[in-house]
Protein backbone atom coordinates (compact mmCIF):
# COMPACT_ATOMS: atom_id res chain seq x y z
CA MET A 1 91.93 23.77 105.26
CA LYS A 2 94.34 26.49 104.20
CA LYS A 3 97.13 27.60 106.55
CA ILE A 4 98.15 31.07 107.41
CA TYR A 5 101.00 32.19 109.74
CA PHE A 6 100.34 34.58 112.55
CA VAL A 7 103.61 36.19 113.72
CA THR A 8 103.00 36.68 117.53
CA SER A 9 104.35 35.56 120.86
CA ASN A 10 100.80 36.16 122.37
CA LYS A 11 98.88 32.90 122.88
CA GLY A 12 95.67 34.84 123.51
CA LYS A 13 95.83 36.63 120.16
CA GLN A 14 96.53 33.30 118.48
CA ALA A 15 93.48 31.67 120.06
CA GLU A 16 91.28 34.60 119.02
CA ALA A 17 92.57 34.58 115.39
CA LYS A 18 92.36 30.79 115.22
CA GLU A 19 88.75 30.82 116.33
CA LYS A 20 87.81 33.75 113.97
CA LEU A 21 89.53 32.40 110.81
CA SER A 22 88.41 28.73 111.32
CA THR A 23 85.08 29.90 110.15
CA ILE A 24 86.39 30.43 106.66
CA ASP A 25 88.50 27.23 106.70
CA PHE A 26 91.84 28.76 107.48
CA ASP A 27 94.22 27.18 110.04
CA VAL A 28 96.11 29.95 111.89
CA ILE A 29 99.60 28.68 112.84
CA GLN A 30 101.44 30.75 115.50
CA HIS A 31 104.90 31.75 114.40
CA ASP A 32 106.91 33.32 117.24
CA ILE A 33 110.01 34.72 115.50
CA GLY A 34 109.81 38.16 117.10
CA TYR A 35 110.26 41.63 115.45
CA PRO A 36 111.26 45.01 116.77
CA GLU A 37 108.44 47.21 117.85
CA ILE A 38 109.56 50.72 116.97
CA GLN A 39 108.55 53.87 118.84
CA ALA A 40 106.08 55.46 116.48
CA ASP A 41 103.12 57.71 116.41
CA THR A 42 100.69 55.20 114.94
CA LEU A 43 100.05 51.45 115.29
CA GLU A 44 100.08 51.25 111.42
CA GLU A 45 103.83 52.40 111.43
CA VAL A 46 104.61 49.84 114.04
CA ALA A 47 102.93 47.00 112.18
CA LEU A 48 104.51 47.94 108.77
CA PHE A 49 108.00 48.15 110.34
CA GLY A 50 107.41 44.73 111.69
CA VAL A 51 106.43 43.44 108.32
CA GLU A 52 109.55 44.81 106.75
CA ASP A 53 111.78 43.10 109.31
CA ILE A 54 109.93 39.60 109.21
CA GLN A 55 109.84 39.40 105.32
CA LYS A 56 113.62 39.34 105.36
CA ARG A 57 113.66 36.16 107.52
CA PHE A 58 110.41 34.42 106.52
CA ASN A 59 109.31 33.31 103.16
CA GLU A 60 105.61 32.38 103.63
CA PRO A 61 102.49 34.66 103.64
CA PHE A 62 101.84 35.88 107.16
CA PHE A 63 100.19 38.50 109.22
CA LEU A 64 100.92 40.30 112.43
CA GLU A 65 98.81 42.52 114.64
CA ASP A 66 99.58 45.53 116.86
CA ALA A 67 97.02 46.80 119.19
CA GLY A 68 96.66 49.64 121.60
CA LEU A 69 94.31 51.10 124.24
CA PHE A 70 93.64 54.79 123.77
CA VAL A 71 92.15 56.38 126.98
CA ASP A 72 90.35 59.74 126.45
CA CYS A 73 91.29 61.40 129.83
CA LEU A 74 94.84 60.32 129.50
CA LYS A 75 95.05 62.05 126.08
CA GLY A 76 95.32 58.66 124.21
CA PHE A 77 97.80 57.05 126.61
CA PRO A 78 98.93 54.29 126.59
CA GLY A 79 98.18 54.08 122.82
CA VAL A 80 101.14 52.72 120.89
CA TYR A 81 102.96 52.01 124.06
CA SER A 82 100.15 49.67 125.42
CA SER A 83 102.27 46.52 125.44
CA TYR A 84 105.19 48.16 127.41
CA VAL A 85 102.69 49.99 129.70
CA PHE A 86 100.99 46.69 130.42
CA ARG A 87 104.28 44.96 131.29
CA THR A 88 105.37 47.82 133.57
CA ILE A 89 102.34 49.14 135.41
CA ASP A 90 99.61 46.64 134.39
CA CYS A 91 95.87 47.33 134.58
CA LYS A 92 96.32 48.44 138.22
CA GLY A 93 98.56 51.34 136.94
CA ILE A 94 96.01 52.54 134.43
CA LEU A 95 93.32 52.38 137.14
CA LYS A 96 95.53 54.42 139.43
CA LEU A 97 96.09 57.07 136.80
CA MET A 98 92.34 57.29 136.39
CA ASP A 99 91.45 57.77 140.14
CA ASN A 100 88.73 60.28 140.43
CA GLU A 101 88.27 60.60 136.58
CA LYS A 102 84.70 60.91 135.45
CA ASN A 103 85.47 60.58 131.79
CA ARG A 104 86.31 56.81 131.38
CA LYS A 105 85.86 56.65 127.60
CA ALA A 106 88.54 54.66 125.77
CA THR A 107 89.03 53.01 122.39
CA PHE A 108 90.79 49.73 121.68
CA LYS A 109 92.41 49.72 118.17
CA SER A 110 93.83 46.76 116.23
CA VAL A 111 96.03 46.98 113.08
CA ILE A 112 96.69 43.85 111.10
CA ALA A 113 99.30 43.83 108.42
CA TYR A 114 99.11 40.91 105.95
CA LYS A 115 102.07 40.16 103.76
CA GLU A 116 102.09 37.82 100.66
CA LEU A 117 105.27 37.02 98.84
CA ASP A 118 106.36 39.67 96.31
CA LYS A 119 103.30 41.95 97.20
CA LYS A 120 102.84 45.07 99.14
CA PRO A 121 101.55 44.53 102.65
CA LEU A 122 97.87 45.17 103.20
CA VAL A 123 96.51 46.71 106.41
CA PHE A 124 93.19 45.98 108.11
CA VAL A 125 91.98 48.22 111.12
CA GLY A 126 89.36 47.39 113.73
CA GLU A 127 88.24 49.60 116.60
CA CYS A 128 86.05 49.03 119.69
CA HIS A 129 84.86 51.98 121.71
CA GLY A 130 83.98 51.63 125.43
CA ASP A 131 84.94 52.63 128.97
CA ILE A 132 87.45 51.77 131.56
CA SER A 133 85.87 49.98 134.47
CA LYS A 134 86.69 51.13 138.13
CA LYS A 135 88.33 47.86 138.95
CA GLU A 136 89.60 44.69 137.28
CA LEU A 137 86.83 42.25 136.45
CA GLY A 138 87.06 38.75 134.91
CA THR A 139 89.56 35.99 134.33
CA HIS A 140 89.45 35.48 130.47
CA GLY A 141 91.46 37.20 127.83
CA PHE A 142 94.83 39.03 128.38
CA GLY A 143 96.34 42.54 128.65
CA PHE A 144 93.90 45.24 129.48
CA ASP A 145 90.82 43.08 128.91
CA PRO A 146 89.89 43.06 132.73
CA ILE A 147 89.33 46.92 132.68
CA PHE A 148 87.76 47.44 129.20
CA VAL A 149 83.93 47.54 128.95
CA PRO A 150 82.91 47.74 125.26
CA SER A 151 80.04 50.06 124.46
CA GLY A 152 76.54 48.58 125.04
CA GLU A 153 77.96 46.00 127.42
CA LYS A 154 78.13 45.82 131.28
CA ARG A 155 80.98 43.32 131.30
CA THR A 156 84.70 43.60 130.57
CA PHE A 157 86.36 41.60 127.73
CA ALA A 158 87.90 39.43 130.49
CA GLN A 159 84.28 38.33 131.61
CA MET A 160 83.63 37.08 128.03
CA GLU A 161 84.49 33.74 126.25
CA ILE A 162 86.68 34.15 123.12
CA LYS A 163 83.83 33.74 120.73
CA GLU A 164 81.77 36.48 122.32
CA LYS A 165 84.78 38.85 122.67
CA ASN A 166 85.49 38.20 118.93
CA LEU A 167 82.05 39.59 117.94
CA LEU A 168 82.69 42.90 119.78
CA SER A 169 86.47 43.45 119.91
CA HIS A 170 88.89 45.62 117.97
CA ARG A 171 90.87 42.54 116.97
CA GLY A 172 87.66 40.62 116.04
CA ARG A 173 86.77 43.54 113.67
CA SER A 174 90.20 43.67 112.07
CA LEU A 175 90.22 39.89 111.72
CA ASP A 176 86.78 40.07 110.00
CA LYS A 177 88.29 42.39 107.42
CA LEU A 178 91.18 40.00 106.96
CA ALA A 179 88.67 37.16 106.53
CA ASP A 180 86.64 39.14 103.98
CA PHE A 181 89.82 39.69 102.06
CA PHE A 182 90.58 35.94 102.03
CA LYS A 183 86.95 35.10 100.97
CA LYS A 184 87.26 37.60 98.07
CA ILE A 185 90.49 35.96 96.84
CA VAL A 186 88.89 32.46 96.99
CA HIS A 187 85.88 33.67 94.95
CA GLU A 188 88.12 35.36 92.36
CA LYS A 189 90.02 32.11 91.70
């Protein structure tokens, strides 16, 4: 089994990546060294800035992931500020901001930046469209999972086990693209 480092402090993200990449014989090792999350307009900018910082301190191939919840009626908020917004107002705050809103459409977006030594970083993006529920539901997952219902579902991400969430989620989709990249490399060798 090959090993790959995932720079994250989030154990939930680590569990999802480990489950997804184990199917292609990769062992995902959590490496919690932290990096600055700049204020930027896009998740891609945040992820690539993180890669620049980490590569100065870490000499192994690694990936990191930045994600955001973009709510239509809130004009894309919390977006790139999702982590901060979750820490400060939580799911309850988003639900409060959406009191009496009929348009509950939202998109979860995940950006993975993968960095090999002496190579430019590669970016893999995944999105999941859905709706914001009227209340928090479920006990699995993390972050805004209890209020996000993916399109075609009646349950929130927090009502799903990791394997099921990985089939539908933004992170699952960006991890699929990373896995496809790894499979391509193996076949070329």
